[in-house]
Amino acid sequence: IFRQTDAYTIKEPDGTRNLILEKGL
């Protein structure tokens, strides 16, 4: 429960995944 795929992933306009928040956490 209380889970979500890519909850802290920033989706860039070109479709790539920016993981800076996840890495910081």
PDBML (XML) file of the C-alpha atoms, coordinates in Angstrom:
<?xml version="1.0" encoding="UTF-8" ?>
<PDBx:datablock datablockName="MODEL"
   xmlns:PDBx="http://pdbml.pdb.org/schema/pdbx-v50.xsd"
   xmlns:xsi="http://www.w3.org/2001/XMLSchema-instance"
   xsi:schemaLocation="http://pdbml.pdb.org/schema/pdbx-v50.xsd pdbx-v50.xsd">
   <PDBx:atom_siteCategory>
      <PDBx:atom_site id="1">
         <PDBx:B_iso_or_equiv>0.00</PDBx:B_iso_or_equiv>
         <PDBx:Cartn_x>0.000</PDBx:Cartn_x>
         <PDBx:Cartn_y>0.000</PDBx:Cartn_y>
         <PDBx:Cartn_z>0.000</PDBx:Cartn_z>
         <PDBx:auth_asym_id>A</PDBx:auth_asym_id>
         <PDBx:auth_atom_id>CA</PDBx:auth_atom_id>
         <PDBx:auth_comp_id>ILE</PDBx:auth_comp_id>
         <PDBx:auth_seq_id>1</PDBx:auth_seq_id>
         <PDBx:group_PDB>ATOM</PDBx:group_PDB>
         <PDBx:label_alt_id xsi:nil="true" />
         <PDBx:label_asym_id>A</PDBx:label_asym_id>
         <PDBx:label_atom_id>CA</PDBx:label_atom_id>
         <PDBx:label_comp_id>ILE</PDBx:label_comp_id>
         <PDBx:label_entity_id>1</PDBx:label_entity_id>
         <PDBx:label_seq_id>1</PDBx:label_seq_id>
         <PDBx:occupancy>1.00</PDBx:occupancy>
         <PDBx:pdbx_PDB_model_num>1</PDBx:pdbx_PDB_model_num>
         <PDBx:type_symbol>C</PDBx:type_symbol>
      </PDBx:atom_site>
      <PDBx:atom_site id="2">
         <PDBx:B_iso_or_equiv>0.00</PDBx:B_iso_or_equiv>
         <PDBx:Cartn_x>0.933</PDBx:Cartn_x>
         <PDBx:Cartn_y>3.649</PDBx:Cartn_y>
         <PDBx:Cartn_z>-0.473</PDBx:Cartn_z>
         <PDBx:auth_asym_id>A</PDBx:auth_asym_id>
         <PDBx:auth_atom_id>CA</PDBx:auth_atom_id>
         <PDBx:auth_comp_id>PHE</PDBx:auth_comp_id>
         <PDBx:auth_seq_id>2</PDBx:auth_seq_id>
         <PDBx:group_PDB>ATOM</PDBx:group_PDB>
         <PDBx:label_alt_id xsi:nil="true" />
         <PDBx:label_asym_id>A</PDBx:label_asym_id>
         <PDBx:label_atom_id>CA</PDBx:label_atom_id>
         <PDBx:label_comp_id>PHE</PDBx:label_comp_id>
         <PDBx:label_entity_id>1</PDBx:label_entity_id>
         <PDBx:label_seq_id>2</PDBx:label_seq_id>
         <PDBx:occupancy>1.00</PDBx:occupancy>
         <PDBx:pdbx_PDB_model_num>1</PDBx:pdbx_PDB_model_num>
         <PDBx:type_symbol>C</PDBx:type_symbol>
      </PDBx:atom_site>
      <PDBx:atom_site id="3">
         <PDBx:B_iso_or_equiv>0.00</PDBx:B_iso_or_equiv>
         <PDBx:Cartn_x>3.194</PDBx:Cartn_x>
         <PDBx:Cartn_y>2.748</PDBx:Cartn_y>
         <PDBx:Cartn_z>-3.405</PDBx:Cartn_z>
         <PDBx:auth_asym_id>A</PDBx:auth_asym_id>
         <PDBx:auth_atom_id>CA</PDBx:auth_atom_id>
         <PDBx:auth_comp_id>ARG</PDBx:auth_comp_id>
         <PDBx:auth_seq_id>3</PDBx:auth_seq_id>
         <PDBx:group_PDB>ATOM</PDBx:group_PDB>
         <PDBx:label_alt_id xsi:nil="true" />
         <PDBx:label_asym_id>A</PDBx:label_asym_id>
         <PDBx:label_atom_id>CA</PDBx:label_atom_id>
         <PDBx:label_comp_id>ARG</PDBx:label_comp_id>
         <PDBx:label_entity_id>1</PDBx:label_entity_id>
         <PDBx:label_seq_id>3</PDBx:label_seq_id>
         <PDBx:occupancy>1.00</PDBx:occupancy>
         <PDBx:pdbx_PDB_model_num>1</PDBx:pdbx_PDB_model_num>
         <PDBx:type_symbol>C</PDBx:type_symbol>
      </PDBx:atom_site>
      <PDBx:atom_site id="4">
         <PDBx:B_iso_or_equiv>0.00</PDBx:B_iso_or_equiv>
         <PDBx:Cartn_x>3.494</PDBx:Cartn_x>
         <PDBx:Cartn_y>4.232</PDBx:Cartn_y>
         <PDBx:Cartn_z>-6.847</PDBx:Cartn_z>
         <PDBx:auth_asym_id>A</PDBx:auth_asym_id>
         <PDBx:auth_atom_id>CA</PDBx:auth_atom_id>
         <PDBx:auth_comp_id>GLN</PDBx:auth_comp_id>
         <PDBx:auth_seq_id>4</PDBx:auth_seq_id>
         <PDBx:group_PDB>ATOM</PDBx:group_PDB>
         <PDBx:label_alt_id xsi:nil="true" />
         <PDBx:label_asym_id>A</PDBx:label_asym_id>
         <PDBx:label_atom_id>CA</PDBx:label_atom_id>
         <PDBx:label_comp_id>GLN</PDBx:label_comp_id>
         <PDBx:label_entity_id>1</PDBx:label_entity_id>
         <PDBx:label_seq_id>4</PDBx:label_seq_id>
         <PDBx:occupancy>1.00</PDBx:occupancy>
         <PDBx:pdbx_PDB_model_num>1</PDBx:pdbx_PDB_model_num>
         <PDBx:type_symbol>C</PDBx:type_symbol>
      </PDBx:atom_site>
      <PDBx:atom_site id="5">
         <PDBx:B_iso_or_equiv>0.00</PDBx:B_iso_or_equiv>
         <PDBx:Cartn_x>5.770</PDBx:Cartn_x>
         <PDBx:Cartn_y>3.583</PDBx:Cartn_y>
         <PDBx:Cartn_z>-9.798</PDBx:Cartn_z>
         <PDBx:auth_asym_id>A</PDBx:auth_asym_id>
         <PDBx:auth_atom_id>CA</PDBx:auth_atom_id>
         <PDBx:auth_comp_id>THR</PDBx:auth_comp_id>
         <PDBx:auth_seq_id>5</PDBx:auth_seq_id>
         <PDBx:group_PDB>ATOM</PDBx:group_PDB>
         <PDBx:label_alt_id xsi:nil="true" />
         <PDBx:label_asym_id>A</PDBx:label_asym_id>
         <PDBx:label_atom_id>CA</PDBx:label_atom_id>
         <PDBx:label_comp_id>THR</PDBx:label_comp_id>
         <PDBx:label_entity_id>1</PDBx:label_entity_id>
         <PDBx:label_seq_id>5</PDBx:label_seq_id>
         <PDBx:occupancy>1.00</PDBx:occupancy>
         <PDBx:pdbx_PDB_model_num>1</PDBx:pdbx_PDB_model_num>
         <PDBx:type_symbol>C</PDBx:type_symbol>
      </PDBx:atom_site>
      <PDBx:atom_site id="6">
         <PDBx:B_iso_or_equiv>0.00</PDBx:B_iso_or_equiv>
         <PDBx:Cartn_x>8.163</PDBx:Cartn_x>
         <PDBx:Cartn_y>6.479</PDBx:Cartn_y>
         <PDBx:Cartn_z>-10.414</PDBx:Cartn_z>
         <PDBx:auth_asym_id>A</PDBx:auth_asym_id>
         <PDBx:auth_atom_id>CA</PDBx:auth_atom_id>
         <PDBx:auth_comp_id>ASP</PDBx:auth_comp_id>
         <PDBx:auth_seq_id>6</PDBx:auth_seq_id>
         <PDBx:group_PDB>ATOM</PDBx:group_PDB>
         <PDBx:label_alt_id xsi:nil="true" />
         <PDBx:label_asym_id>A</PDBx:label_asym_id>
         <PDBx:label_atom_id>CA</PDBx:label_atom_id>
         <PDBx:label_comp_id>ASP</PDBx:label_comp_id>
         <PDBx:label_entity_id>1</PDBx:label_entity_id>
         <PDBx:label_seq_id>6</PDBx:label_seq_id>
         <PDBx:occupancy>1.00</PDBx:occupancy>
         <PDBx:pdbx_PDB_model_num>1</PDBx:pdbx_PDB_model_num>
         <PDBx:type_symbol>C</PDBx:type_symbol>
      </PDBx:atom_site>
      <PDBx:atom_site id="7">
         <PDBx:B_iso_or_equiv>0.00</PDBx:B_iso_or_equiv>
         <PDBx:Cartn_x>6.705</PDBx:Cartn_x>
         <PDBx:Cartn_y>8.547</PDBx:Cartn_y>
         <PDBx:Cartn_z>-7.570</PDBx:Cartn_z>
         <PDBx:auth_asym_id>A</PDBx:auth_asym_id>
         <PDBx:auth_atom_id>CA</PDBx:auth_atom_id>
         <PDBx:auth_comp_id>ALA</PDBx:auth_comp_id>
         <PDBx:auth_seq_id>7</PDBx:auth_seq_id>
         <PDBx:group_PDB>ATOM</PDBx:group_PDB>
         <PDBx:label_alt_id xsi:nil="true" />
         <PDBx:label_asym_id>A</PDBx:label_asym_id>
         <PDBx:label_atom_id>CA</PDBx:label_atom_id>
         <PDBx:label_comp_id>ALA</PDBx:label_comp_id>
         <PDBx:label_entity_id>1</PDBx:label_entity_id>
         <PDBx:label_seq_id>7</PDBx:label_seq_id>
         <PDBx:occupancy>1.00</PDBx:occupancy>
         <PDBx:pdbx_PDB_model_num>1</PDBx:pdbx_PDB_model_num>
         <PDBx:type_symbol>C</PDBx:type_symbol>
      </PDBx:atom_site>
      <PDBx:atom_site id="8">
         <PDBx:B_iso_or_equiv>0.00</PDBx:B_iso_or_equiv>
         <PDBx:Cartn_x>9.891</PDBx:Cartn_x>
         <PDBx:Cartn_y>10.621</PDBx:Cartn_y>
         <PDBx:Cartn_z>-7.339</PDBx:Cartn_z>
         <PDBx:auth_asym_id>A</PDBx:auth_asym_id>
         <PDBx:auth_atom_id>CA</PDBx:auth_atom_id>
         <PDBx:auth_comp_id>TYR</PDBx:auth_comp_id>
         <PDBx:auth_seq_id>8</PDBx:auth_seq_id>
         <PDBx:group_PDB>ATOM</PDBx:group_PDB>
         <PDBx:label_alt_id xsi:nil="true" />
         <PDBx:label_asym_id>A</PDBx:label_asym_id>
         <PDBx:label_atom_id>CA</PDBx:label_atom_id>
         <PDBx:label_comp_id>TYR</PDBx:label_comp_id>
         <PDBx:label_entity_id>1</PDBx:label_entity_id>
         <PDBx:label_seq_id>8</PDBx:label_seq_id>
         <PDBx:occupancy>1.00</PDBx:occupancy>
         <PDBx:pdbx_PDB_model_num>1</PDBx:pdbx_PDB_model_num>
         <PDBx:type_symbol>C</PDBx:type_symbol>
      </PDBx:atom_site>
      <PDBx:atom_site id="9">
         <PDBx:B_iso_or_equiv>0.00</PDBx:B_iso_or_equiv>
         <PDBx:Cartn_x>10.921</PDBx:Cartn_x>
         <PDBx:Cartn_y>10.487</PDBx:Cartn_y>
         <PDBx:Cartn_z>-10.980</PDBx:Cartn_z>
         <PDBx:auth_asym_id>A</PDBx:auth_asym_id>
         <PDBx:auth_atom_id>CA</PDBx:auth_atom_id>
         <PDBx:auth_comp_id>THR</PDBx:auth_comp_id>
         <PDBx:auth_seq_id>9</PDBx:auth_seq_id>
         <PDBx:group_PDB>ATOM</PDBx:group_PDB>
         <PDBx:label_alt_id xsi:nil="true" />
         <PDBx:label_asym_id>A</PDBx:label_asym_id>
         <PDBx:label_atom_id>CA</PDBx:label_atom_id>
         <PDBx:label_comp_id>THR</PDBx:label_comp_id>
         <PDBx:label_entity_id>1</PDBx:label_entity_id>
         <PDBx:label_seq_id>9</PDBx:label_seq_id>
         <PDBx:occupancy>1.00</PDBx:occupancy>
         <PDBx:pdbx_PDB_model_num>1</PDBx:pdbx_PDB_model_num>
         <PDBx:type_symbol>C</PDBx:type_symbol>
      </PDBx:atom_site>
      <PDBx:atom_site id="10">
         <PDBx:B_iso_or_equiv>0.00</PDBx:B_iso_or_equiv>
         <PDBx:Cartn_x>10.866</PDBx:Cartn_x>
         <PDBx:Cartn_y>13.633</PDBx:Cartn_y>
         <PDBx:Cartn_z>-13.096</PDBx:Cartn_z>
         <PDBx:auth_asym_id>A</PDBx:auth_asym_id>
         <PDBx:auth_atom_id>CA</PDBx:auth_atom_id>
         <PDBx:auth_comp_id>ILE</PDBx:auth_comp_id>
         <PDBx:auth_seq_id>10</PDBx:auth_seq_id>
         <PDBx:group_PDB>ATOM</PDBx:group_PDB>
         <PDBx:label_alt_id xsi:nil="true" />
         <PDBx:label_asym_id>A</PDBx:label_asym_id>
         <PDBx:label_atom_id>CA</PDBx:label_atom_id>
         <PDBx:label_comp_id>ILE</PDBx:label_comp_id>
         <PDBx:label_entity_id>1</PDBx:label_entity_id>
         <PDBx:label_seq_id>10</PDBx:label_seq_id>
         <PDBx:occupancy>1.00</PDBx:occupancy>
         <PDBx:pdbx_PDB_model_num>1</PDBx:pdbx_PDB_model_num>
         <PDBx:type_symbol>C</PDBx:type_symbol>
      </PDBx:atom_site>
      <PDBx:atom_site id="11">
         <PDBx:B_iso_or_equiv>0.00</PDBx:B_iso_or_equiv>
         <PDBx:Cartn_x>9.742</PDBx:Cartn_x>
         <PDBx:Cartn_y>12.859</PDBx:Cartn_y>
         <PDBx:Cartn_z>-16.631</PDBx:Cartn_z>
         <PDBx:auth_asym_id>A</PDBx:auth_asym_id>
         <PDBx:auth_atom_id>CA</PDBx:auth_atom_id>
         <PDBx:auth_comp_id>LYS</PDBx:auth_comp_id>
         <PDBx:auth_seq_id>11</PDBx:auth_seq_id>
         <PDBx:group_PDB>ATOM</PDBx:group_PDB>
         <PDBx:label_alt_id xsi:nil="true" />
         <PDBx:label_asym_id>A</PDBx:label_asym_id>
         <PDBx:label_atom_id>CA</PDBx:label_atom_id>
         <PDBx:label_comp_id>LYS</PDBx:label_comp_id>
         <PDBx:label_entity_id>1</PDBx:label_entity_id>
         <PDBx:label_seq_id>11</PDBx:label_seq_id>
         <PDBx:occupancy>1.00</PDBx:occupancy>
         <PDBx:pdbx_PDB_model_num>1</PDBx:pdbx_PDB_model_num>
         <PDBx:type_symbol>C</PDBx:type_symbol>
      </PDBx:atom_site>
      <PDBx:atom_site id="12">
         <PDBx:B_iso_or_equiv>0.00</PDBx:B_iso_or_equiv>
         <PDBx:Cartn_x>11.639</PDBx:Cartn_x>
         <PDBx:Cartn_y>15.025</PDBx:Cartn_y>
         <PDBx:Cartn_z>-19.104</PDBx:Cartn_z>
         <PDBx:auth_asym_id>A</PDBx:auth_asym_id>
         <PDBx:auth_atom_id>CA</PDBx:auth_atom_id>
         <PDBx:auth_comp_id>GLU</PDBx:auth_comp_id>
         <PDBx:auth_seq_id>12</PDBx:auth_seq_id>
         <PDBx:group_PDB>ATOM</PDBx:group_PDB>
         <PDBx:label_alt_id xsi:nil="true" />
         <PDBx:label_asym_id>A</PDBx:label_asym_id>
         <PDBx:label_atom_id>CA</PDBx:label_atom_id>
         <PDBx:label_comp_id>GLU</PDBx:label_comp_id>
         <PDBx:label_entity_id>1</PDBx:label_entity_id>
         <PDBx:label_seq_id>12</PDBx:label_seq_id>
         <PDBx:occupancy>1.00</PDBx:occupancy>
         <PDBx:pdbx_PDB_model_num>1</PDBx:pdbx_PDB_model_num>
         <PDBx:type_symbol>C</PDBx:type_symbol>
      </PDBx:atom_site>
      <PDBx:atom_site id="13">
         <PDBx:B_iso_or_equiv>0.00</PDBx:B_iso_or_equiv>
         <PDBx:Cartn_x>9.919</PDBx:Cartn_x>
         <PDBx:Cartn_y>16.411</PDBx:Cartn_y>
         <PDBx:Cartn_z>-22.244</PDBx:Cartn_z>
         <PDBx:auth_asym_id>A</PDBx:auth_asym_id>
         <PDBx:auth_atom_id>CA</PDBx:auth_atom_id>
         <PDBx:auth_comp_id>PRO</PDBx:auth_comp_id>
         <PDBx:auth_seq_id>13</PDBx:auth_seq_id>
         <PDBx:group_PDB>ATOM</PDBx:group_PDB>
         <PDBx:label_alt_id xsi:nil="true" />
         <PDBx:label_asym_id>A</PDBx:label_asym_id>
         <PDBx:label_atom_id>CA</PDBx:label_atom_id>
         <PDBx:label_comp_id>PRO</PDBx:label_comp_id>
         <PDBx:label_entity_id>1</PDBx:label_entity_id>
         <PDBx:label_seq_id>13</PDBx:label_seq_id>
         <PDBx:occupancy>1.00</PDBx:occupancy>
         <PDBx:pdbx_PDB_model_num>1</PDBx:pdbx_PDB_model_num>
         <PDBx:type_symbol>C</PDBx:type_symbol>
      </PDBx:atom_site>
      <PDBx:atom_site id="14">
         <PDBx:B_iso_or_equiv>0.00</PDBx:B_iso_or_equiv>
         <PDBx:Cartn_x>11.851</PDBx:Cartn_x>
         <PDBx:Cartn_y>13.931</PDBx:Cartn_y>
         <PDBx:Cartn_z>-24.407</PDBx:Cartn_z>
         <PDBx:auth_asym_id>A</PDBx:auth_asym_id>
         <PDBx:auth_atom_id>CA</PDBx:auth_atom_id>
         <PDBx:auth_comp_id>ASP</PDBx:auth_comp_id>
         <PDBx:auth_seq_id>14</PDBx:auth_seq_id>
         <PDBx:group_PDB>ATOM</PDBx:group_PDB>
         <PDBx:label_alt_id xsi:nil="true" />
         <PDBx:label_asym_id>A</PDBx:label_asym_id>
         <PDBx:label_atom_id>CA</PDBx:label_atom_id>
         <PDBx:label_comp_id>ASP</PDBx:label_comp_id>
         <PDBx:label_entity_id>1</PDBx:label_entity_id>
         <PDBx:label_seq_id>14</PDBx:label_seq_id>
         <PDBx:occupancy>1.00</PDBx:occupancy>
         <PDBx:pdbx_PDB_model_num>1</PDBx:pdbx_PDB_model_num>
         <PDBx:type_symbol>C</PDBx:type_symbol>
      </PDBx:atom_site>
      <PDBx:atom_site id="15">
         <PDBx:B_iso_or_equiv>0.00</PDBx:B_iso_or_equiv>
         <PDBx:Cartn_x>10.526</PDBx:Cartn_x>
         <PDBx:Cartn_y>10.995</PDBx:Cartn_y>
         <PDBx:Cartn_z>-22.320</PDBx:Cartn_z>
         <PDBx:auth_asym_id>A</PDBx:auth_asym_id>
         <PDBx:auth_atom_id>CA</PDBx:auth_atom_id>
         <PDBx:auth_comp_id>GLY</PDBx:auth_comp_id>
         <PDBx:auth_seq_id>15</PDBx:auth_seq_id>
         <PDBx:group_PDB>ATOM</PDBx:group_PDB>
         <PDBx:label_alt_id xsi:nil="true" />
         <PDBx:label_asym_id>A</PDBx:label_asym_id>
         <PDBx:label_atom_id>CA</PDBx:label_atom_id>
         <PDBx:label_comp_id>GLY</PDBx:label_comp_id>
         <PDBx:label_entity_id>1</PDBx:label_entity_id>
         <PDBx:label_seq_id>15</PDBx:label_seq_id>
         <PDBx:occupancy>1.00</PDBx:occupancy>
         <PDBx:pdbx_PDB_model_num>1</PDBx:pdbx_PDB_model_num>
         <PDBx:type_symbol>C</PDBx:type_symbol>
      </PDBx:atom_site>
      <PDBx:atom_site id="16">
         <PDBx:B_iso_or_equiv>0.00</PDBx:B_iso_or_equiv>
         <PDBx:Cartn_x>13.699</PDBx:Cartn_x>
         <PDBx:Cartn_y>10.269</PDBx:Cartn_y>
         <PDBx:Cartn_z>-20.364</PDBx:Cartn_z>
         <PDBx:auth_asym_id>A</PDBx:auth_asym_id>
         <PDBx:auth_atom_id>CA</PDBx:auth_atom_id>
         <PDBx:auth_comp_id>THR</PDBx:auth_comp_id>
         <PDBx:auth_seq_id>16</PDBx:auth_seq_id>
         <PDBx:group_PDB>ATOM</PDBx:group_PDB>
         <PDBx:label_alt_id xsi:nil="true" />
         <PDBx:label_asym_id>A</PDBx:label_asym_id>
         <PDBx:label_atom_id>CA</PDBx:label_atom_id>
         <PDBx:label_comp_id>THR</PDBx:label_comp_id>
         <PDBx:label_entity_id>1</PDBx:label_entity_id>
         <PDBx:label_seq_id>16</PDBx:label_seq_id>
         <PDBx:occupancy>1.00</PDBx:occupancy>
         <PDBx:pdbx_PDB_model_num>1</PDBx:pdbx_PDB_model_num>
         <PDBx:type_symbol>C</PDBx:type_symbol>
      </PDBx:atom_site>
      <PDBx:atom_site id="17">
         <PDBx:B_iso_or_equiv>0.00</PDBx:B_iso_or_equiv>
         <PDBx:Cartn_x>13.558</PDBx:Cartn_x>
         <PDBx:Cartn_y>9.723</PDBx:Cartn_y>
         <PDBx:Cartn_z>-16.623</PDBx:Cartn_z>
         <PDBx:auth_asym_id>A</PDBx:auth_asym_id>
         <PDBx:auth_atom_id>CA</PDBx:auth_atom_id>
         <PDBx:auth_comp_id>ARG</PDBx:auth_comp_id>
         <PDBx:auth_seq_id>17</PDBx:auth_seq_id>
         <PDBx:group_PDB>ATOM</PDBx:group_PDB>
         <PDBx:label_alt_id xsi:nil="true" />
         <PDBx:label_asym_id>A</PDBx:label_asym_id>
         <PDBx:label_atom_id>CA</PDBx:label_atom_id>
         <PDBx:label_comp_id>ARG</PDBx:label_comp_id>
         <PDBx:label_entity_id>1</PDBx:label_entity_id>
         <PDBx:label_seq_id>17</PDBx:label_seq_id>
         <PDBx:occupancy>1.00</PDBx:occupancy>
         <PDBx:pdbx_PDB_model_num>1</PDBx:pdbx_PDB_model_num>
         <PDBx:type_symbol>C</PDBx:type_symbol>
      </PDBx:atom_site>
      <PDBx:atom_site id="18">
         <PDBx:B_iso_or_equiv>0.00</PDBx:B_iso_or_equiv>
         <PDBx:Cartn_x>15.448</PDBx:Cartn_x>
         <PDBx:Cartn_y>12.165</PDBx:Cartn_y>
         <PDBx:Cartn_z>-14.387</PDBx:Cartn_z>
         <PDBx:auth_asym_id>A</PDBx:auth_asym_id>
         <PDBx:auth_atom_id>CA</PDBx:auth_atom_id>
         <PDBx:auth_comp_id>ASN</PDBx:auth_comp_id>
         <PDBx:auth_seq_id>18</PDBx:auth_seq_id>
         <PDBx:group_PDB>ATOM</PDBx:group_PDB>
         <PDBx:label_alt_id xsi:nil="true" />
         <PDBx:label_asym_id>A</PDBx:label_asym_id>
         <PDBx:label_atom_id>CA</PDBx:label_atom_id>
         <PDBx:label_comp_id>ASN</PDBx:label_comp_id>
         <PDBx:label_entity_id>1</PDBx:label_entity_id>
         <PDBx:label_seq_id>18</PDBx:label_seq_id>
         <PDBx:occupancy>1.00</PDBx:occupancy>
         <PDBx:pdbx_PDB_model_num>1</PDBx:pdbx_PDB_model_num>
         <PDBx:type_symbol>C</PDBx:type_symbol>
      </PDBx:atom_site>
      <PDBx:atom_site id="19">
         <PDBx:B_iso_or_equiv>0.00</PDBx:B_iso_or_equiv>
         <PDBx:Cartn_x>16.264</PDBx:Cartn_x>
         <PDBx:Cartn_y>10.351</PDBx:Cartn_y>
         <PDBx:Cartn_z>-11.135</PDBx:Cartn_z>
         <PDBx:auth_asym_id>A</PDBx:auth_asym_id>
         <PDBx:auth_atom_id>CA</PDBx:auth_atom_id>
         <PDBx:auth_comp_id>LEU</PDBx:auth_comp_id>
         <PDBx:auth_seq_id>19</PDBx:auth_seq_id>
         <PDBx:group_PDB>ATOM</PDBx:group_PDB>
         <PDBx:label_alt_id xsi:nil="true" />
         <PDBx:label_asym_id>A</PDBx:label_asym_id>
         <PDBx:label_atom_id>CA</PDBx:label_atom_id>
         <PDBx:label_comp_id>LEU</PDBx:label_comp_id>
         <PDBx:label_entity_id>1</PDBx:label_entity_id>
         <PDBx:label_seq_id>19</PDBx:label_seq_id>
         <PDBx:occupancy>1.00</PDBx:occupancy>
         <PDBx:pdbx_PDB_model_num>1</PDBx:pdbx_PDB_model_num>
         <PDBx:type_symbol>C</PDBx:type_symbol>
      </PDBx:atom_site>
      <PDBx:atom_site id="20">
         <PDBx:B_iso_or_equiv>0.00</PDBx:B_iso_or_equiv>
         <PDBx:Cartn_x>17.856</PDBx:Cartn_x>
         <PDBx:Cartn_y>13.252</PDBx:Cartn_y>
         <PDBx:Cartn_z>-9.234</PDBx:Cartn_z>
         <PDBx:auth_asym_id>A</PDBx:auth_asym_id>
         <PDBx:auth_atom_id>CA</PDBx:auth_atom_id>
         <PDBx:auth_comp_id>ILE</PDBx:auth_comp_id>
         <PDBx:auth_seq_id>20</PDBx:auth_seq_id>
         <PDBx:group_PDB>ATOM</PDBx:group_PDB>
         <PDBx:label_alt_id xsi:nil="true" />
         <PDBx:label_asym_id>A</PDBx:label_asym_id>
         <PDBx:label_atom_id>CA</PDBx:label_atom_id>
         <PDBx:label_comp_id>ILE</PDBx:label_comp_id>
         <PDBx:label_entity_id>1</PDBx:label_entity_id>
         <PDBx:label_seq_id>20</PDBx:label_seq_id>
         <PDBx:occupancy>1.00</PDBx:occupancy>
         <PDBx:pdbx_PDB_model_num>1</PDBx:pdbx_PDB_model_num>
         <PDBx:type_symbol>C</PDBx:type_symbol>
      </PDBx:atom_site>
      <PDBx:atom_site id="21">
         <PDBx:B_iso_or_equiv>0.00</PDBx:B_iso_or_equiv>
         <PDBx:Cartn_x>15.157</PDBx:Cartn_x>
         <PDBx:Cartn_y>13.290</PDBx:Cartn_y>
         <PDBx:Cartn_z>-6.518</PDBx:Cartn_z>
         <PDBx:auth_asym_id>A</PDBx:auth_asym_id>
         <PDBx:auth_atom_id>CA</PDBx:auth_atom_id>
         <PDBx:auth_comp_id>LEU</PDBx:auth_comp_id>
         <PDBx:auth_seq_id>21</PDBx:auth_seq_id>
         <PDBx:group_PDB>ATOM</PDBx:group_PDB>
         <PDBx:label_alt_id xsi:nil="true" />
         <PDBx:label_asym_id>A</PDBx:label_asym_id>
         <PDBx:label_atom_id>CA</PDBx:label_atom_id>
         <PDBx:label_comp_id>LEU</PDBx:label_comp_id>
         <PDBx:label_entity_id>1</PDBx:label_entity_id>
         <PDBx:label_seq_id>21</PDBx:label_seq_id>
         <PDBx:occupancy>1.00</PDBx:occupancy>
         <PDBx:pdbx_PDB_model_num>1</PDBx:pdbx_PDB_model_num>
         <PDBx:type_symbol>C</PDBx:type_symbol>
      </PDBx:atom_site>
      <PDBx:atom_site id="22">
         <PDBx:B_iso_or_equiv>0.00</PDBx:B_iso_or_equiv>
         <PDBx:Cartn_x>15.260</PDBx:Cartn_x>
         <PDBx:Cartn_y>9.520</PDBx:Cartn_y>
         <PDBx:Cartn_z>-6.053</PDBx:Cartn_z>
         <PDBx:auth_asym_id>A</PDBx:auth_asym_id>
         <PDBx:auth_atom_id>CA</PDBx:auth_atom_id>
         <PDBx:auth_comp_id>GLU</PDBx:auth_comp_id>
         <PDBx:auth_seq_id>22</PDBx:auth_seq_id>
         <PDBx:group_PDB>ATOM</PDBx:group_PDB>
         <PDBx:label_alt_id xsi:nil="true" />
         <PDBx:label_asym_id>A</PDBx:label_asym_id>
         <PDBx:label_atom_id>CA</PDBx:label_atom_id>
         <PDBx:label_comp_id>GLU</PDBx:label_comp_id>
         <PDBx:label_entity_id>1</PDBx:label_entity_id>
         <PDBx:label_seq_id>22</PDBx:label_seq_id>
         <PDBx:occupancy>1.00</PDBx:occupancy>
         <PDBx:pdbx_PDB_model_num>1</PDBx:pdbx_PDB_model_num>
         <PDBx:type_symbol>C</PDBx:type_symbol>
      </PDBx:atom_site>
      <PDBx:atom_site id="23">
         <PDBx:B_iso_or_equiv>0.00</PDBx:B_iso_or_equiv>
         <PDBx:Cartn_x>19.054</PDBx:Cartn_x>
         <PDBx:Cartn_y>9.542</PDBx:Cartn_y>
         <PDBx:Cartn_z>-5.841</PDBx:Cartn_z>
         <PDBx:auth_asym_id>A</PDBx:auth_asym_id>
         <PDBx:auth_atom_id>CA</PDBx:auth_atom_id>
         <PDBx:auth_comp_id>LYS</PDBx:auth_comp_id>
         <PDBx:auth_seq_id>23</PDBx:auth_seq_id>
         <PDBx:group_PDB>ATOM</PDBx:group_PDB>
         <PDBx:label_alt_id xsi:nil="true" />
         <PDBx:label_asym_id>A</PDBx:label_asym_id>
         <PDBx:label_atom_id>CA</PDBx:label_atom_id>
         <PDBx:label_comp_id>LYS</PDBx:label_comp_id>
         <PDBx:label_entity_id>1</PDBx:label_entity_id>
         <PDBx:label_seq_id>23</PDBx:label_seq_id>
         <PDBx:occupancy>1.00</PDBx:occupancy>
         <PDBx:pdbx_PDB_model_num>1</PDBx:pdbx_PDB_model_num>
         <PDBx:type_symbol>C</PDBx:type_symbol>
      </PDBx:atom_site>
      <PDBx:atom_site id="24">
         <PDBx:B_iso_or_equiv>0.00</PDBx:B_iso_or_equiv>
         <PDBx:Cartn_x>18.936</PDBx:Cartn_x>
         <PDBx:Cartn_y>12.408</PDBx:Cartn_y>
         <PDBx:Cartn_z>-3.337</PDBx:Cartn_z>
         <PDBx:auth_asym_id>A</PDBx:auth_asym_id>
         <PDBx:auth_atom_id>CA</PDBx:auth_atom_id>
         <PDBx:auth_comp_id>GLY</PDBx:auth_comp_id>
         <PDBx:auth_seq_id>24</PDBx:auth_seq_id>
         <PDBx:group_PDB>ATOM</PDBx:group_PDB>
         <PDBx:label_alt_id xsi:nil="true" />
         <PDBx:label_asym_id>A</PDBx:label_asym_id>
         <PDBx:label_atom_id>CA</PDBx:label_atom_id>
         <PDBx:label_comp_id>GLY</PDBx:label_comp_id>
         <PDBx:label_entity_id>1</PDBx:label_entity_id>
         <PDBx:label_seq_id>24</PDBx:label_seq_id>
         <PDBx:occupancy>1.00</PDBx:occupancy>
         <PDBx:pdbx_PDB_model_num>1</PDBx:pdbx_PDB_model_num>
         <PDBx:type_symbol>C</PDBx:type_symbol>
      </PDBx:atom_site>
      <PDBx:atom_site id="25">
         <PDBx:B_iso_or_equiv>0.00</PDBx:B_iso_or_equiv>
         <PDBx:Cartn_x>16.454</PDBx:Cartn_x>
         <PDBx:Cartn_y>10.541</PDBx:Cartn_y>
         <PDBx:Cartn_z>-1.145</PDBx:Cartn_z>
         <PDBx:auth_asym_id>A</PDBx:auth_asym_id>
         <PDBx:auth_atom_id>CA</PDBx:auth_atom_id>
         <PDBx:auth_comp_id>LEU</PDBx:auth_comp_id>
         <PDBx:auth_seq_id>25</PDBx:auth_seq_id>
         <PDBx:group_PDB>ATOM</PDBx:group_PDB>
         <PDBx:label_alt_id xsi:nil="true" />
         <PDBx:label_asym_id>A</PDBx:label_asym_id>
         <PDBx:label_atom_id>CA</PDBx:label_atom_id>
         <PDBx:label_comp_id>LEU</PDBx:label_comp_id>
         <PDBx:label_entity_id>1</PDBx:label_entity_id>
         <PDBx:label_seq_id>25</PDBx:label_seq_id>
         <PDBx:occupancy>1.00</PDBx:occupancy>
         <PDBx:pdbx_PDB_model_num>1</PDBx:pdbx_PDB_model_num>
         <PDBx:type_symbol>C</PDBx:type_symbol>
      </PDBx:atom_site>
   </PDBx:atom_siteCategory>
</PDBx:datablock>
